[in-house]
N, C-alpha and C. Protein backbone atom coordinates (compact mmCIF):
# COMPACT_ATOMS: atom_id res chain seq x y z
N UNK A 1 39.52 -44.85 -6.32
CA UNK A 1 38.81 -44.73 -5.47
C UNK A 1 38.60 -45.52 -4.72
N UNK A 2 37.80 -46.41 -5.18
CA UNK A 2 37.35 -47.87 -4.76
C UNK A 2 38.59 -48.61 -4.01
N UNK A 3 39.60 -48.57 -4.54
CA UNK A 3 40.33 -49.38 -3.73
C UNK A 3 41.30 -48.63 -2.46
N UNK A 4 41.28 -47.20 -2.89
CA UNK A 4 41.42 -46.51 -1.47
C UNK A 4 40.89 -46.56 -0.58
N UNK A 5 39.29 -46.75 -0.97
CA UNK A 5 38.41 -46.94 0.42
C UNK A 5 38.48 -48.38 0.97
N UNK A 6 38.86 -49.23 0.05
CA UNK A 6 38.96 -50.86 0.78
C UNK A 6 40.29 -50.80 1.66
N UNK A 7 41.27 -50.31 1.33
CA UNK A 7 42.67 -50.08 1.69
C UNK A 7 42.64 -49.60 3.40
N UNK A 8 41.60 -48.74 3.07
CA UNK A 8 41.47 -47.65 4.17
C UNK A 8 40.54 -48.73 5.53
N UNK A 9 39.49 -48.95 4.95
CA UNK A 9 38.86 -50.05 5.65
C UNK A 9 39.64 -51.67 6.47
N UNK A 10 40.49 -51.90 5.37
CA UNK A 10 41.35 -52.93 6.14
C UNK A 10 42.10 -52.27 7.20
N UNK A 11 42.38 -50.93 6.95
CA UNK A 11 43.50 -50.58 8.23
C UNK A 11 42.43 -50.58 9.28
N UNK A 12 41.15 -49.73 9.17
CA UNK A 12 40.37 -49.48 10.32
C UNK A 12 40.13 -50.93 10.93
N UNK A 13 39.88 -52.27 9.98
CA UNK A 13 39.51 -53.35 10.90
C UNK A 13 40.65 -53.75 11.43
N UNK A 14 41.85 -53.91 11.18
CA UNK A 14 43.21 -54.25 11.54
C UNK A 14 43.03 -53.43 12.93
N UNK A 15 42.92 -52.12 13.29
CA UNK A 15 43.10 -51.25 14.39
C UNK A 15 41.98 -52.17 15.05
N UNK A 16 40.85 -52.14 14.49
CA UNK A 16 39.77 -52.62 15.69
C UNK A 16 40.12 -53.70 16.32
N UNK A 17 40.79 -55.20 15.39
CA UNK A 17 40.97 -56.32 16.13
C UNK A 17 42.11 -56.05 16.98
N UNK A 18 42.91 -55.51 16.61
CA UNK A 18 44.23 -55.17 17.54
C UNK A 18 43.57 -54.74 19.23
N UNK A 19 42.77 -53.83 19.08
CA UNK A 19 42.38 -52.91 20.32
C UNK A 19 41.14 -53.66 21.01
N UNK A 20 40.48 -54.29 20.57
CA UNK A 20 39.14 -55.01 21.29
C UNK A 20 39.68 -55.59 22.22
N UNK A 21 40.71 -56.70 22.19
CA UNK A 21 40.91 -57.56 23.26
C UNK A 21 41.48 -56.78 24.25
N UNK A 22 41.78 -55.36 24.20
CA UNK A 22 42.58 -54.57 25.36
C UNK A 22 41.35 -54.75 26.17
N UNK A 23 40.11 -54.33 25.73
CA UNK A 23 39.13 -54.33 26.90
C UNK A 23 38.59 -55.41 27.79
N UNK A 24 39.02 -56.76 26.97
CA UNK A 24 38.90 -57.97 27.83
C UNK A 24 39.95 -58.63 28.49
N UNK A 25 41.26 -58.00 28.44
CA UNK A 25 42.23 -58.47 29.06
C UNK A 25 43.04 -57.57 29.65
N UNK A 26 42.02 -56.90 30.63
CA UNK A 26 42.80 -55.78 31.43
C UNK A 26 44.16 -56.13 32.16
N UNK A 27 44.66 -57.31 32.86
CA UNK A 27 45.37 -57.74 33.50
C UNK A 27 46.59 -58.54 32.42
N UNK A 28 46.11 -58.61 31.52
CA UNK A 28 46.90 -59.37 30.63
C UNK A 28 48.77 -58.91 30.62
N UNK A 29 49.64 -59.35 30.25
CA UNK A 29 50.92 -58.97 29.84
C UNK A 29 51.16 -57.61 29.48
N UNK A 30 50.59 -57.65 28.43
CA UNK A 30 50.69 -56.37 27.25
C UNK A 30 50.22 -55.15 28.29
N UNK A 31 48.99 -55.33 29.18
CA UNK A 31 48.38 -54.27 30.13
C UNK A 31 49.69 -54.16 30.83
N UNK A 32 50.21 -54.97 31.66
CA UNK A 32 50.95 -54.62 32.78
C UNK A 32 52.67 -54.00 32.29
N UNK A 33 52.43 -54.45 31.07
CA UNK A 33 53.66 -53.65 30.41
C UNK A 33 53.09 -52.30 30.14
N UNK A 34 51.88 -51.91 29.41
CA UNK A 34 51.96 -50.68 29.31
C UNK A 34 51.79 -49.93 30.63
N UNK A 35 51.34 -50.39 31.91
CA UNK A 35 51.22 -49.77 33.18
C UNK A 35 52.28 -49.49 33.59
N UNK A 36 53.22 -50.48 33.23
CA UNK A 36 54.80 -50.14 33.89
C UNK A 36 55.75 -49.06 33.34
N UNK A 37 54.98 -48.97 31.92
CA UNK A 37 56.13 -48.07 31.28
C UNK A 37 55.63 -46.59 31.74
N UNK A 38 54.28 -46.14 31.96
CA UNK A 38 53.86 -45.14 32.49
C UNK A 38 54.28 -44.87 33.96
N UNK A 39 54.60 -45.81 34.37
CA UNK A 39 54.92 -45.68 36.10
C UNK A 39 56.51 -45.13 35.93
N UNK A 40 57.31 -46.02 35.26
CA UNK A 40 58.55 -45.75 35.23
C UNK A 40 58.92 -44.41 34.66
N UNK A 41 58.02 -43.95 33.49
CA UNK A 41 58.42 -42.33 32.99
C UNK A 41 57.73 -41.46 34.25
N UNK A 42 56.89 -41.42 34.84
CA UNK A 42 56.29 -40.69 35.83
C UNK A 42 57.68 -40.58 37.12
N UNK A 43 58.36 -41.63 37.08
CA UNK A 43 59.27 -41.24 38.39
C UNK A 43 60.47 -40.54 37.86
N UNK A 44 60.69 -40.89 36.96
CA UNK A 44 61.75 -39.79 35.92
C UNK A 44 61.26 -38.49 35.49
N UNK A 45 60.20 -37.71 35.85
CA UNK A 45 60.19 -36.67 35.47
C UNK A 45 60.49 -35.69 36.26
N UNK A 46 60.82 -34.41 35.35
CA UNK A 46 61.65 -33.17 35.73
C UNK A 46 60.83 -31.86 35.35
N UNK A 47 60.86 -30.84 36.24
CA UNK A 47 60.09 -29.79 35.56
C UNK A 47 60.57 -29.27 34.39
N UNK A 48 61.57 -29.55 33.72
CA UNK A 48 61.89 -29.22 32.71
C UNK A 48 61.56 -30.07 31.60
N UNK A 49 61.71 -31.09 31.79
CA UNK A 49 61.02 -32.25 30.83
C UNK A 49 59.76 -32.14 30.63
N UNK A 50 58.76 -31.61 31.94
CA UNK A 50 57.55 -31.62 31.51
C UNK A 50 57.13 -30.62 31.16
N UNK A 51 57.71 -29.49 31.18
CA UNK A 51 57.45 -28.03 30.60
C UNK A 51 57.86 -28.26 29.10
N UNK A 52 58.71 -29.12 28.58
CA UNK A 52 59.14 -29.23 27.38
C UNK A 52 57.92 -30.04 26.48
N UNK A 53 57.58 -31.45 27.09
CA UNK A 53 56.81 -32.38 26.52
C UNK A 53 55.20 -31.86 26.33
N UNK A 54 54.87 -31.05 27.41
CA UNK A 54 53.78 -29.90 27.39
C UNK A 54 53.61 -29.33 26.29
N UNK A 55 54.55 -28.36 26.03
CA UNK A 55 54.51 -27.57 24.86
C UNK A 55 54.60 -28.19 23.66
N UNK A 56 55.00 -29.64 23.39
CA UNK A 56 54.99 -30.45 22.10
C UNK A 56 53.57 -30.95 21.89
N UNK A 57 52.94 -31.15 23.06
CA UNK A 57 51.46 -31.72 23.27
C UNK A 57 50.30 -30.60 22.84
N UNK A 58 50.91 -29.54 23.48
CA UNK A 58 49.70 -28.21 23.12
C UNK A 58 49.98 -27.52 21.91
N UNK A 59 51.33 -27.99 21.26
CA UNK A 59 51.07 -27.10 19.98
C UNK A 59 51.00 -27.93 18.68
N UNK A 60 50.59 -29.69 19.19
CA UNK A 60 50.43 -30.10 17.98
C UNK A 60 49.17 -29.87 17.13
N UNK A 61 48.15 -29.28 17.68
CA UNK A 61 47.12 -28.89 16.86
C UNK A 61 47.32 -27.86 15.88
N UNK A 62 48.30 -26.91 16.17
CA UNK A 62 48.86 -25.93 15.78
C UNK A 62 49.68 -26.35 14.61
N UNK A 63 50.57 -27.22 14.44
CA UNK A 63 51.55 -27.58 13.44
C UNK A 63 50.17 -28.53 12.59
N UNK A 64 49.26 -29.32 13.00
CA UNK A 64 48.61 -29.71 12.00
C UNK A 64 47.39 -28.83 10.79
N UNK A 65 47.07 -27.96 11.61
CA UNK A 65 46.79 -27.00 10.79
C UNK A 65 47.32 -26.51 10.12
N UNK A 66 48.56 -25.68 10.89
CA UNK A 66 49.49 -24.74 10.21
C UNK A 66 50.32 -25.45 8.77
N UNK A 67 50.24 -26.63 8.81
CA UNK A 67 50.82 -27.35 7.65
C UNK A 67 50.09 -27.07 6.39
N UNK A 68 48.87 -27.44 6.19
CA UNK A 68 48.07 -27.38 4.83
C UNK A 68 47.79 -25.89 4.76
N UNK A 69 47.19 -25.18 5.77
CA UNK A 69 47.02 -23.68 5.29
C UNK A 69 48.62 -22.88 4.87
N UNK A 70 49.75 -23.39 5.16
CA UNK A 70 50.99 -22.82 4.73
C UNK A 70 51.03 -23.46 3.68
N UNK A 71 50.78 -24.76 3.01
CA UNK A 71 50.85 -24.84 1.33
C UNK A 71 49.88 -24.33 0.97
N UNK A 72 48.96 -24.09 1.38
CA UNK A 72 47.58 -23.40 0.44
C UNK A 72 48.04 -21.93 0.19
N UNK A 73 48.51 -21.28 0.97
CA UNK A 73 49.19 -19.92 1.22
C UNK A 73 50.12 -19.67 0.09
N UNK A 74 50.91 -20.88 0.00
CA UNK A 74 52.44 -20.69 -0.94
C UNK A 74 51.55 -21.03 -2.07
N UNK A 75 51.03 -21.97 -2.30
CA UNK A 75 50.24 -22.20 -3.57
C UNK A 75 49.50 -21.13 -4.35
N UNK A 76 48.56 -20.12 -3.56
CA UNK A 76 48.01 -19.54 -3.84
C UNK A 76 48.93 -18.04 -4.50
N UNK A 77 50.03 -17.85 -3.39
CA UNK A 77 50.97 -16.64 -3.66
C UNK A 77 51.63 -17.08 -5.11
N UNK A 78 52.36 -18.58 -4.86
CA UNK A 78 53.27 -18.65 -5.69
C UNK A 78 52.42 -19.15 -7.01
N UNK A 79 51.25 -19.45 -7.10
CA UNK A 79 50.75 -19.91 -8.44
C UNK A 79 51.06 -21.44 -8.49
N UNK A 80 51.04 -21.80 -7.66
CA UNK A 80 51.62 -23.15 -7.81
C UNK A 80 50.46 -24.44 -7.57
N UNK A 81 50.03 -25.24 -8.55
CA UNK A 81 48.72 -25.57 -8.46
C UNK A 81 49.06 -26.93 -7.69
N UNK A 82 50.35 -27.49 -8.01
CA UNK A 82 50.58 -28.86 -6.97
C UNK A 82 50.62 -28.70 -5.56
N UNK A 83 51.14 -27.81 -5.22
CA UNK A 83 51.12 -27.29 -3.65
C UNK A 83 49.67 -26.82 -3.24
N UNK A 84 48.93 -26.15 -4.13
CA UNK A 84 47.42 -26.18 -3.32
C UNK A 84 46.94 -27.60 -3.51
N UNK A 85 47.17 -28.73 -4.20
CA UNK A 85 46.63 -30.01 -4.02
C UNK A 85 47.37 -30.58 -3.17
N UNK A 86 48.77 -30.41 -2.79
CA UNK A 86 49.04 -31.17 -1.80
C UNK A 86 48.63 -30.36 -0.12
N UNK A 87 48.27 -29.25 -0.39
CA UNK A 87 47.27 -28.52 0.70
C UNK A 87 46.33 -29.46 0.96
N UNK A 88 45.14 -29.65 0.27
CA UNK A 88 43.93 -30.31 0.07
C UNK A 88 44.22 -31.69 0.46
N UNK A 89 45.24 -32.48 -0.04
CA UNK A 89 45.80 -34.01 0.77
C UNK A 89 45.88 -34.11 1.92
N UNK A 90 47.01 -33.04 2.73
CA UNK A 90 47.40 -32.97 4.06
C UNK A 90 46.37 -32.84 4.79
N UNK A 91 45.35 -31.92 4.25
CA UNK A 91 44.28 -31.40 4.82
C UNK A 91 42.99 -32.38 4.92
N UNK A 92 42.64 -33.33 3.89
CA UNK A 92 41.77 -34.37 3.76
C UNK A 92 42.52 -35.61 4.82
N UNK A 93 43.52 -35.99 4.77
CA UNK A 93 43.69 -36.69 5.59
C UNK A 93 43.84 -36.67 7.15
N UNK A 94 43.86 -35.44 7.33
CA UNK A 94 43.65 -34.98 8.78
C UNK A 94 42.39 -35.20 8.92
N UNK A 95 41.37 -34.83 8.16
CA UNK A 95 40.24 -34.51 8.35
C UNK A 95 39.59 -36.30 9.01
N UNK A 96 39.91 -37.32 7.73
CA UNK A 96 39.26 -38.51 7.59
C UNK A 96 39.98 -39.14 9.12
N UNK A 97 41.38 -39.12 9.19
CA UNK A 97 41.92 -39.55 10.29
C UNK A 97 41.04 -39.47 11.55
N UNK A 98 40.99 -38.17 11.90
CA UNK A 98 40.22 -37.38 12.89
C UNK A 98 38.60 -38.32 13.04
N UNK A 99 38.10 -38.26 12.17
CA UNK A 99 36.88 -39.14 12.12
C UNK A 99 36.74 -40.72 12.63
N UNK A 100 37.87 -41.13 12.06
CA UNK A 100 38.40 -42.56 12.54
C UNK A 100 39.15 -42.56 13.68
N UNK A 101 39.57 -41.79 14.36
CA UNK A 101 39.99 -41.56 15.64
C UNK A 101 38.98 -41.40 16.79
N UNK A 102 37.94 -40.46 16.38
CA UNK A 102 36.78 -40.62 17.18
C UNK A 102 35.70 -41.90 17.06
N UNK A 103 35.92 -42.69 16.19
CA UNK A 103 35.18 -43.74 15.88
C UNK A 103 35.50 -44.73 16.54
N UNK A 104 36.66 -44.98 16.62
CA UNK A 104 37.69 -46.14 17.57
C UNK A 104 37.53 -45.69 18.96
N UNK A 105 37.59 -44.47 19.44
CA UNK A 105 37.42 -44.05 20.48
C UNK A 105 36.36 -44.82 21.05
N UNK A 106 34.99 -44.42 20.46
CA UNK A 106 33.74 -44.61 20.78
C UNK A 106 33.56 -45.73 20.98
N UNK A 107 34.24 -46.98 20.00
CA UNK A 107 33.78 -48.41 19.94
C UNK A 107 34.52 -48.86 21.35
N UNK A 108 35.51 -48.61 20.98
CA UNK A 108 36.54 -49.29 22.11
C UNK A 108 36.25 -48.82 23.71
N UNK A 109 36.13 -47.68 23.89
CA UNK A 109 36.06 -47.22 25.11
C UNK A 109 37.08 -47.64 26.26
N UNK A 110 38.29 -47.25 25.92
CA UNK A 110 39.61 -47.56 26.79
C UNK A 110 39.51 -46.54 27.71
N UNK A 111 39.52 -46.82 29.18
CA UNK A 111 39.91 -45.77 29.99
C UNK A 111 41.21 -45.06 29.99
N UNK A 112 41.55 -43.77 30.34
CA UNK A 112 42.53 -43.38 30.31
C UNK A 112 43.59 -43.93 31.45
N UNK A 113 44.66 -43.97 31.15
CA UNK A 113 45.58 -44.83 32.21
C UNK A 113 45.46 -44.35 33.81
N UNK A 114 44.97 -42.96 34.07
CA UNK A 114 45.06 -42.58 35.31
C UNK A 114 43.61 -43.01 36.30
N UNK A 115 42.70 -43.49 35.37
CA UNK A 115 41.77 -43.72 35.83
C UNK A 115 41.70 -45.28 35.89
N UNK A 116 42.46 -46.11 35.39
CA UNK A 116 42.39 -47.66 35.21
C UNK A 116 43.39 -47.87 36.21
N UNK A 117 44.17 -47.03 36.62
CA UNK A 117 45.44 -47.63 37.58
C UNK A 117 46.01 -46.58 38.56
N UNK A 118 45.49 -46.55 39.82
CA UNK A 118 45.93 -45.68 40.83
C UNK A 118 47.13 -45.32 40.91
N UNK A 119 48.26 -46.32 40.63
CA UNK A 119 49.57 -45.97 40.43
C UNK A 119 50.27 -45.06 39.52
N UNK A 120 48.85 -45.08 38.58
CA UNK A 120 49.83 -44.17 37.18
C UNK A 120 49.27 -42.75 37.53
N UNK A 121 50.18 -41.53 37.31
CA UNK A 121 50.20 -40.18 37.94
C UNK A 121 50.25 -39.46 36.59
N UNK A 122 49.00 -38.41 36.27
CA UNK A 122 48.94 -38.35 34.94
C UNK A 122 49.73 -36.42 35.31
N UNK A 123 50.08 -35.90 34.45
CA UNK A 123 50.56 -34.39 34.84
C UNK A 123 49.13 -33.67 34.80
N UNK A 124 48.45 -33.74 33.82
CA UNK A 124 47.04 -33.42 34.01
C UNK A 124 45.98 -34.46 33.22
N UNK A 125 44.88 -34.15 33.56
CA UNK A 125 43.90 -35.08 33.16
C UNK A 125 42.71 -35.13 32.25
N UNK A 126 43.16 -35.37 30.76
CA UNK A 126 42.14 -35.08 29.78
C UNK A 126 41.15 -35.85 29.92
N UNK A 127 39.82 -35.65 29.42
CA UNK A 127 38.78 -36.27 29.19
C UNK A 127 38.74 -37.04 27.86
N UNK A 128 37.46 -37.72 27.75
CA UNK A 128 37.61 -38.66 26.25
C UNK A 128 38.34 -40.17 26.91
N UNK A 129 38.22 -40.74 25.84
CA UNK A 129 38.86 -42.47 25.92
C UNK A 129 39.93 -41.88 25.58
N UNK A 130 40.85 -42.97 25.91
CA UNK A 130 42.23 -43.12 25.43
C UNK A 130 42.96 -44.02 24.17
N UNK A 131 41.78 -44.83 23.45
CA UNK A 131 42.81 -45.81 22.54
C UNK A 131 41.70 -45.49 21.31
N UNK A 132 42.82 -44.60 19.85
CA UNK A 132 43.83 -44.54 20.35
C UNK A 132 44.04 -43.31 20.63
N UNK A 133 45.57 -42.77 20.86
CA UNK A 133 46.09 -41.58 20.99
C UNK A 133 45.80 -40.39 19.81
N UNK A 134 44.97 -39.58 19.75
CA UNK A 134 44.27 -38.61 18.94
C UNK A 134 45.64 -37.82 18.55
N UNK A 135 46.27 -37.14 19.29
CA UNK A 135 47.35 -36.32 19.02
C UNK A 135 48.35 -37.12 18.50
N UNK A 136 48.57 -38.65 18.29
CA UNK A 136 49.75 -39.45 17.83
C UNK A 136 49.01 -39.57 16.43
N UNK A 137 48.21 -39.96 16.51
CA UNK A 137 47.56 -40.23 14.83
C UNK A 137 47.19 -38.90 14.36
N UNK A 138 47.11 -37.72 14.95
CA UNK A 138 47.28 -36.61 13.63
C UNK A 138 48.51 -36.29 13.24
N UNK A 139 49.23 -36.46 14.43
CA UNK A 139 50.89 -36.07 14.04
C UNK A 139 51.40 -36.88 12.92
N UNK A 140 51.03 -38.05 12.95
CA UNK A 140 51.49 -39.07 12.08
C UNK A 140 50.72 -38.98 10.86
N UNK A 141 49.81 -38.64 10.58
CA UNK A 141 49.25 -38.44 9.78
C UNK A 141 49.37 -37.11 8.77
N UNK A 142 49.94 -36.09 9.53
CA UNK A 142 50.44 -34.76 9.04
C UNK A 142 51.78 -35.10 8.27
N UNK A 143 52.82 -35.65 9.39
CA UNK A 143 54.28 -36.05 8.92
C UNK A 143 54.10 -37.33 7.71
N UNK A 144 53.33 -38.08 7.77
CA UNK A 144 53.28 -38.97 6.36
C UNK A 144 52.61 -38.25 4.93
N UNK A 145 51.64 -37.56 5.40
CA UNK A 145 50.91 -36.66 3.97
C UNK A 145 52.13 -35.89 3.73
N UNK A 146 52.84 -35.35 4.51
CA UNK A 146 53.74 -34.24 3.84
C UNK A 146 54.47 -34.92 3.25
N UNK A 147 55.56 -36.05 3.89
CA UNK A 147 56.28 -36.76 3.16
C UNK A 147 56.22 -37.17 2.20
N UNK A 148 54.91 -37.53 1.99
CA UNK A 148 54.61 -38.24 0.67
C UNK A 148 54.36 -37.22 -0.71
N UNK A 149 53.89 -36.13 -0.10
CA UNK A 149 54.16 -34.51 -0.92
C UNK A 149 55.28 -34.45 -1.63
N UNK A 150 56.07 -34.48 -0.43
CA UNK A 150 57.64 -33.86 -0.77
C UNK A 150 58.71 -34.78 0.09
N UNK A 151 59.01 -36.30 -0.68
CA UNK A 151 59.62 -37.12 -0.23
C UNK A 151 61.06 -36.73 -0.22
N UNK A 152 61.39 -35.61 0.45
CA UNK A 152 63.18 -35.02 0.43
C UNK A 152 63.63 -35.48 1.99
N UNK A 153 64.41 -35.83 2.14
CA UNK A 153 64.56 -36.07 3.59
C UNK A 153 64.69 -34.75 4.42
N UNK A 154 64.95 -33.80 3.83
CA UNK A 154 64.67 -32.44 5.14
C UNK A 154 63.59 -32.16 5.30
N UNK A 155 62.32 -32.94 4.56
CA UNK A 155 61.07 -32.90 5.24
C UNK A 155 60.60 -34.07 5.93
N UNK A 156 60.90 -35.07 5.54
CA UNK A 156 60.65 -36.50 6.01
C UNK A 156 61.32 -36.82 7.56
N UNK A 157 62.69 -36.08 7.36
CA UNK A 157 63.05 -36.43 8.37
C UNK A 157 62.68 -35.70 9.94
N UNK A 158 62.65 -34.39 9.69
CA UNK A 158 61.64 -33.50 10.75
C UNK A 158 60.46 -33.65 11.07
N UNK A 159 59.76 -33.99 9.71
CA UNK A 159 58.31 -34.62 9.81
C UNK A 159 58.09 -35.44 10.95
N UNK A 160 58.77 -36.82 10.81
CA UNK A 160 58.76 -37.97 11.84
C UNK A 160 59.33 -37.42 13.23
N UNK A 161 60.29 -36.78 13.06
CA UNK A 161 60.81 -36.39 14.20
C UNK A 161 59.81 -35.43 15.54
N UNK A 162 59.12 -34.65 14.92
CA UNK A 162 57.92 -34.02 15.54
C UNK A 162 56.74 -35.17 15.78
N UNK A 163 56.27 -35.83 14.76
CA UNK A 163 55.65 -36.71 15.04
C UNK A 163 55.94 -37.83 16.57
N UNK A 164 56.93 -38.24 16.41
CA UNK A 164 57.43 -39.42 17.47
C UNK A 164 57.60 -38.44 18.82
N UNK A 165 57.63 -37.26 18.64
CA UNK A 165 58.02 -36.21 20.07
C UNK A 165 56.63 -36.16 20.55
N UNK A 166 55.59 -36.21 19.49
CA UNK A 166 54.13 -35.95 20.13
C UNK A 166 53.63 -37.13 20.72
N UNK A 167 54.07 -38.31 20.10
CA UNK A 167 53.75 -39.18 20.45
C UNK A 167 54.00 -39.82 22.04
N UNK A 168 55.77 -39.58 22.05
CA UNK A 168 56.08 -39.98 23.41
C UNK A 168 55.45 -38.88 24.45
N UNK A 169 55.35 -37.63 23.84
CA UNK A 169 54.66 -36.47 25.20
C UNK A 169 53.50 -37.18 25.75
N UNK A 170 52.72 -37.97 24.92
CA UNK A 170 51.80 -38.44 25.48
C UNK A 170 51.72 -39.33 26.59
N UNK A 171 52.91 -40.25 26.44
CA UNK A 171 53.41 -41.41 27.02
C UNK A 171 54.03 -40.50 28.59
N UNK A 172 54.95 -39.72 28.32
CA UNK A 172 55.73 -38.97 29.51
C UNK A 172 54.68 -38.21 30.35
N UNK A 173 53.56 -37.56 29.70
CA UNK A 173 52.58 -36.83 30.37
C UNK A 173 51.59 -37.75 31.21
N UNK A 174 51.84 -39.35 30.77
CA UNK A 174 51.03 -39.97 31.62
C UNK A 174 49.25 -39.65 31.18
N UNK A 175 49.39 -39.67 29.98
CA UNK A 175 47.61 -39.68 29.62
C UNK A 175 46.93 -40.47 28.58
N UNK A 176 48.22 -41.55 28.08
CA UNK A 176 47.93 -42.46 26.78
C UNK A 176 49.05 -43.76 27.17
N UNK A 177 48.62 -44.71 27.09
CA UNK A 177 49.58 -46.03 27.21
C UNK A 177 50.35 -46.25 25.81
N UNK A 178 51.29 -47.03 25.94
CA UNK A 178 52.22 -47.21 24.56
C UNK A 178 51.45 -47.54 23.70
N UNK A 179 50.60 -48.50 23.91
CA UNK A 179 49.78 -49.34 23.13
C UNK A 179 48.50 -48.25 22.23
N UNK A 180 48.44 -47.33 22.87
CA UNK A 180 47.62 -46.57 22.51
C UNK A 180 48.24 -45.70 21.48
N UNK A 181 49.50 -45.06 21.68
CA UNK A 181 50.70 -44.32 21.14
C UNK A 181 50.73 -45.21 19.98
N UNK A 182 51.15 -46.36 20.08
CA UNK A 182 51.48 -47.44 18.75
C UNK A 182 50.20 -47.37 17.64
N UNK A 183 49.21 -47.56 18.06
CA UNK A 183 48.21 -47.91 17.30
C UNK A 183 47.45 -46.21 16.71
N UNK A 184 47.84 -45.02 17.37
CA UNK A 184 47.66 -43.97 16.74
C UNK A 184 48.73 -43.47 15.49
N UNK A 185 49.92 -43.91 15.62
CA UNK A 185 50.62 -44.12 14.94
C UNK A 185 50.46 -44.77 13.25
N UNK A 186 50.29 -45.68 13.60
CA UNK A 186 49.70 -46.62 12.84
C UNK A 186 48.59 -46.36 11.93
N UNK A 187 47.45 -45.81 12.71
CA UNK A 187 46.25 -45.05 12.06
C UNK A 187 46.67 -43.88 11.28
N UNK A 188 47.25 -43.12 11.81
CA UNK A 188 47.61 -41.93 11.16
C UNK A 188 48.50 -41.96 10.16
N UNK A 189 49.58 -43.17 10.17
CA UNK A 189 50.21 -43.43 8.77
C UNK A 189 49.40 -44.12 7.77
N UNK A 190 48.69 -44.92 8.29
CA UNK A 190 47.92 -45.40 7.11
C UNK A 190 47.00 -44.66 6.40
N UNK A 191 45.97 -43.92 7.18
CA UNK A 191 45.04 -42.84 6.76
C UNK A 191 45.97 -42.00 5.44
N UNK A 192 47.16 -41.67 5.78
CA UNK A 192 47.91 -40.71 4.59
C UNK A 192 48.09 -41.51 3.53
N UNK A 193 48.60 -42.84 3.96
CA UNK A 193 49.16 -43.44 2.94
C UNK A 193 48.08 -44.19 1.81
N UNK A 194 46.34 -44.16 2.68
CA UNK A 194 45.63 -44.53 1.91
C UNK A 194 44.88 -43.84 1.00
N UNK A 195 45.31 -42.40 1.23
CA UNK A 195 44.98 -41.31 0.40
C UNK A 195 45.59 -40.54 -0.31
N UNK A 196 46.93 -41.29 -0.24
CA UNK A 196 48.08 -40.73 -0.73
C UNK A 196 47.92 -40.21 -2.53
N UNK A 197 48.04 -39.17 -2.92
CA UNK A 197 48.01 -38.74 -4.13
C UNK A 197 48.88 -39.69 -5.51
N UNK A 198 48.02 -40.31 -6.54
CA UNK A 198 48.80 -40.83 -7.47
C UNK A 198 49.89 -39.91 -8.15
N UNK A 199 50.99 -40.29 -8.58
CA UNK A 199 52.01 -39.71 -9.27
C UNK A 199 51.95 -40.19 -10.54
N UNK A 200 52.15 -39.12 -11.35
CA UNK A 200 52.63 -39.71 -12.95
C UNK A 200 53.78 -40.25 -13.16
N UNK A 201 54.64 -40.13 -12.37
CA UNK A 201 56.08 -40.69 -12.36
C UNK A 201 56.13 -42.02 -11.86
């Protein structure tokens, strides 16, 4: 348990070390690239694609809650202890990740792209801070935890396709920078790995 906590603290320290300079270097090359990606994506929007990526973003929480609830229900109905434990693993990974994401947002306080640059047009304007992307971190936590619990290609591939789609949706909608999404993916994946269950084999 101590080693798991240590690994997770290292992950948090790394994310913070990468993120804090973003506040100090608002006009750096990385920031300019962040801005340009979102400007280019906004120029290529269509009503159909916007509707699709809004659907992905809006249903992320349903998926993140539905996965552990479904596993728990299946474990209870089938009297499957391993499935119930997997439900707890996915749910606890999501809970720890949510707390870590909120903490980092409050520490970094990076403004949303549409607030920091008038050239960036968002489809809608959520509140709270931008770094890291909470949608992305939760999606990658669920995808990684589920893939760790059931390491089969037919679980891993759809899980990460969904998580990647969620991350891209945040860029397409103009509500997060690419670096927000990358940090969210790293944080979410790292959370699930740091809490992964120990296997007998």
